Amino acid sequence: MFYFVCSSVIFLLRFAATFAEVGVKKGDVIHMLLGNSKHFFSACFGTWILGAILSSGEVGQEAKAIADQVFPPEK
């Protein structure tokens, strides 16, 4: 059990380190299109460890719908 917990924490920290390497910092918004995957949980916590904000979307969406989520149209 201890090994499982330690390896899971290390996996979360790897996601956080990868996001930090590409310049993600506290307050940034990450839009994730990961789908139902065992990595989604780790990616969420990796995002939150850095203090970033997670915005998830549906994988099957069309490009315009994703663009509207990431860059909402001005009203």
N, C-alpha and C. Protein backbone atom coordinates (compact mmCIF):
# COMPACT_ATOMS: atom_id res chain seq x y z
N MET A 1 0.83 -1.20 0.00
CA MET A 1 0.00 0.00 0.00
C MET A 1 0.87 1.26 0.00
N PHE A 2 1.91 1.25 0.83
CA PHE A 2 2.79 2.42 0.91
C PHE A 2 3.42 2.71 -0.44
N TYR A 3 3.87 1.66 -1.15
CA TYR A 3 4.48 1.83 -2.46
C TYR A 3 3.49 2.45 -3.44
N PHE A 4 2.24 2.00 -3.40
CA PHE A 4 1.21 2.53 -4.30
C PHE A 4 1.00 4.02 -4.06
N VAL A 5 0.91 4.41 -2.79
CA VAL A 5 0.69 5.83 -2.47
C VAL A 5 1.89 6.66 -2.91
N CYS A 6 3.09 6.20 -2.63
CA CYS A 6 4.29 6.95 -3.02
C CYS A 6 4.41 7.09 -4.53
N SER A 7 4.15 6.00 -5.25
CA SER A 7 4.26 6.07 -6.70
C SER A 7 3.18 6.98 -7.29
N SER A 8 2.01 7.01 -6.67
CA SER A 8 0.93 7.90 -7.14
C SER A 8 1.30 9.36 -6.92
N VAL A 9 1.87 9.67 -5.77
CA VAL A 9 2.28 11.04 -5.48
C VAL A 9 3.38 11.47 -6.44
N ILE A 10 4.32 10.59 -6.72
CA ILE A 10 5.40 10.91 -7.66
C ILE A 10 4.82 11.19 -9.05
N PHE A 11 3.82 10.41 -9.46
CA PHE A 11 3.17 10.62 -10.75
C PHE A 11 2.50 12.00 -10.81
N LEU A 12 1.83 12.41 -9.72
CA LEU A 12 1.21 13.73 -9.67
C LEU A 12 2.26 14.83 -9.79
N LEU A 13 3.37 14.65 -9.09
CA LEU A 13 4.42 15.65 -9.13
C LEU A 13 5.07 15.73 -10.51
N ARG A 14 5.11 14.61 -11.23
CA ARG A 14 5.64 14.63 -12.60
C ARG A 14 4.75 15.48 -13.51
N PHE A 15 3.44 15.34 -13.36
CA PHE A 15 2.53 16.19 -14.14
C PHE A 15 2.77 17.65 -13.80
N ALA A 16 2.86 17.97 -12.52
CA ALA A 16 3.09 19.35 -12.10
C ALA A 16 4.42 19.87 -12.65
N ALA A 17 5.46 19.06 -12.60
CA ALA A 17 6.77 19.47 -13.11
C ALA A 17 6.73 19.71 -14.61
N THR A 18 6.01 18.85 -15.33
CA THR A 18 5.90 19.02 -16.78
C THR A 18 5.17 20.31 -17.12
N PHE A 19 4.07 20.58 -16.42
CA PHE A 19 3.35 21.84 -16.65
C PHE A 19 4.24 23.05 -16.33
N ALA A 20 5.01 22.95 -15.24
CA ALA A 20 5.89 24.05 -14.86
C ALA A 20 6.98 24.27 -15.91
N GLU A 21 7.48 23.19 -16.49
CA GLU A 21 8.52 23.30 -17.52
C GLU A 21 8.05 24.06 -18.74
N VAL A 22 6.77 23.96 -19.07
CA VAL A 22 6.25 24.67 -20.25
C VAL A 22 5.72 26.06 -19.89
N GLY A 23 5.92 26.46 -18.62
CA GLY A 23 5.61 27.83 -18.24
C GLY A 23 4.31 28.05 -17.50
N VAL A 24 3.61 26.99 -17.10
CA VAL A 24 2.37 27.16 -16.35
C VAL A 24 2.71 27.62 -14.94
N LYS A 25 1.99 28.63 -14.46
CA LYS A 25 2.23 29.13 -13.11
C LYS A 25 0.91 29.41 -12.41
N LYS A 26 0.99 29.79 -11.16
CA LYS A 26 -0.20 30.03 -10.35
C LYS A 26 -1.12 31.04 -11.03
N GLY A 27 -2.40 30.68 -11.10
CA GLY A 27 -3.40 31.57 -11.69
C GLY A 27 -3.66 31.33 -13.18
N ASP A 28 -2.77 30.60 -13.84
CA ASP A 28 -2.98 30.28 -15.26
C ASP A 28 -4.16 29.30 -15.40
N VAL A 29 -4.82 29.36 -16.54
CA VAL A 29 -5.91 28.44 -16.82
C VAL A 29 -5.44 27.42 -17.86
N ILE A 30 -5.61 26.14 -17.53
CA ILE A 30 -5.26 25.07 -18.44
C ILE A 30 -6.55 24.43 -18.93
N HIS A 31 -6.74 24.41 -20.24
CA HIS A 31 -7.92 23.75 -20.82
C HIS A 31 -7.49 22.37 -21.25
N MET A 32 -8.08 21.34 -20.66
CA MET A 32 -7.67 19.96 -20.90
C MET A 32 -8.72 19.19 -21.67
N LEU A 33 -8.30 18.54 -22.72
CA LEU A 33 -9.16 17.64 -23.49
C LEU A 33 -8.56 16.24 -23.37
N LEU A 34 -8.76 15.63 -22.24
CA LEU A 34 -8.12 14.36 -21.97
C LEU A 34 -9.07 13.18 -22.02
N GLY A 35 -10.35 13.42 -21.87
CA GLY A 35 -11.32 12.33 -21.92
C GLY A 35 -11.27 11.45 -20.68
N ASN A 36 -12.01 10.35 -20.73
CA ASN A 36 -12.03 9.42 -19.61
C ASN A 36 -10.76 8.58 -19.65
N SER A 37 -9.83 8.98 -18.86
CA SER A 37 -8.53 8.33 -18.85
C SER A 37 -8.03 8.23 -17.42
N LYS A 38 -7.20 7.26 -17.16
CA LYS A 38 -6.63 7.14 -15.82
C LYS A 38 -5.69 8.30 -15.53
N HIS A 39 -5.27 9.02 -16.55
CA HIS A 39 -4.35 10.14 -16.37
C HIS A 39 -5.07 11.45 -16.05
N PHE A 40 -6.39 11.49 -16.23
CA PHE A 40 -7.12 12.73 -15.99
C PHE A 40 -6.99 13.17 -14.53
N PHE A 41 -7.15 12.23 -13.60
CA PHE A 41 -7.04 12.53 -12.18
C PHE A 41 -5.67 13.11 -11.86
N SER A 42 -4.63 12.48 -12.37
CA SER A 42 -3.26 12.95 -12.11
C SER A 42 -3.02 14.32 -12.72
N ALA A 43 -3.54 14.54 -13.93
CA ALA A 43 -3.38 15.83 -14.58
C ALA A 43 -4.11 16.93 -13.80
N CYS A 44 -5.28 16.61 -13.28
CA CYS A 44 -6.02 17.59 -12.46
C CYS A 44 -5.21 17.99 -11.24
N PHE A 45 -4.73 17.01 -10.50
CA PHE A 45 -3.97 17.32 -9.29
C PHE A 45 -2.63 17.98 -9.62
N GLY A 46 -2.01 17.59 -10.73
CA GLY A 46 -0.78 18.26 -11.15
C GLY A 46 -1.02 19.73 -11.43
N THR A 47 -2.18 20.03 -12.00
CA THR A 47 -2.57 21.42 -12.26
C THR A 47 -2.76 22.17 -10.96
N TRP A 48 -3.49 21.56 -10.04
CA TRP A 48 -3.81 22.21 -8.77
C TRP A 48 -2.59 22.37 -7.88
N ILE A 49 -1.62 21.45 -7.97
CA ILE A 49 -0.39 21.58 -7.18
C ILE A 49 0.31 22.89 -7.53
N LEU A 50 0.28 23.28 -8.80
CA LEU A 50 0.91 24.52 -9.23
C LEU A 50 0.08 25.76 -8.91
N GLY A 51 -1.18 25.55 -8.53
CA GLY A 51 -2.06 26.68 -8.27
C GLY A 51 -2.75 27.18 -9.53
N ALA A 52 -2.68 26.39 -10.60
CA ALA A 52 -3.35 26.76 -11.85
C ALA A 52 -4.81 26.33 -11.79
N ILE A 53 -5.59 26.81 -12.73
CA ILE A 53 -7.03 26.54 -12.77
C ILE A 53 -7.30 25.58 -13.92
N LEU A 54 -8.06 24.53 -13.64
CA LEU A 54 -8.37 23.52 -14.64
C LEU A 54 -9.71 23.82 -15.30
N SER A 55 -9.70 23.79 -16.62
CA SER A 55 -10.92 23.89 -17.41
C SER A 55 -10.94 22.67 -18.31
N SER A 56 -11.89 21.79 -18.08
CA SER A 56 -11.92 20.57 -18.89
C SER A 56 -13.02 20.66 -19.94
N GLY A 57 -12.78 20.01 -21.06
CA GLY A 57 -13.75 20.00 -22.13
C GLY A 57 -14.01 18.59 -22.62
N GLU A 58 -15.02 18.46 -23.42
CA GLU A 58 -15.39 17.16 -23.96
C GLU A 58 -14.54 16.87 -25.20
N VAL A 59 -13.99 15.68 -25.26
CA VAL A 59 -13.08 15.32 -26.34
C VAL A 59 -13.77 15.36 -27.70
N GLY A 60 -15.04 15.01 -27.77
CA GLY A 60 -15.75 14.94 -29.04
C GLY A 60 -16.25 16.26 -29.58
N GLN A 61 -15.91 17.37 -28.97
CA GLN A 61 -16.39 18.66 -29.43
C GLN A 61 -15.70 19.08 -30.73
N GLU A 62 -16.40 19.90 -31.48
CA GLU A 62 -15.82 20.45 -32.70
C GLU A 62 -14.89 21.61 -32.33
N ALA A 63 -14.02 21.95 -33.25
CA ALA A 63 -12.99 22.96 -33.01
C ALA A 63 -13.59 24.30 -32.58
N LYS A 64 -14.70 24.72 -33.21
CA LYS A 64 -15.30 26.01 -32.85
C LYS A 64 -15.80 26.02 -31.42
N ALA A 65 -16.40 24.91 -30.96
CA ALA A 65 -16.89 24.84 -29.58
C ALA A 65 -15.74 24.91 -28.59
N ILE A 66 -14.64 24.26 -28.92
CA ILE A 66 -13.46 24.32 -28.04
C ILE A 66 -12.90 25.73 -28.02
N ALA A 67 -12.80 26.36 -29.18
CA ALA A 67 -12.30 27.74 -29.25
C ALA A 67 -13.18 28.69 -28.46
N ASP A 68 -14.50 28.48 -28.49
CA ASP A 68 -15.41 29.33 -27.72
C ASP A 68 -15.23 29.15 -26.22
N GLN A 69 -14.85 27.94 -25.79
CA GLN A 69 -14.59 27.72 -24.37
C GLN A 69 -13.28 28.38 -23.95
N VAL A 70 -12.27 28.27 -24.78
CA VAL A 70 -10.96 28.80 -24.44
C VAL A 70 -10.93 30.32 -24.61
N PHE A 71 -11.53 30.81 -25.69
CA PHE A 71 -11.59 32.25 -25.98
C PHE A 71 -13.05 32.64 -26.17
N PRO A 72 -13.76 32.90 -25.07
CA PRO A 72 -15.20 33.22 -25.19
C PRO A 72 -15.42 34.43 -26.10
N PRO A 73 -16.46 34.37 -26.94
CA PRO A 73 -16.74 35.50 -27.81
C PRO A 73 -17.16 36.72 -26.99
N GLU A 74 -16.72 37.88 -27.43
CA GLU A 74 -17.09 39.12 -26.73
C GLU A 74 -18.54 39.44 -27.00
N LYS A 75 -19.20 40.00 -26.00
CA LYS A 75 -20.61 40.35 -26.15
C LYS A 75 -20.78 41.82 -26.32
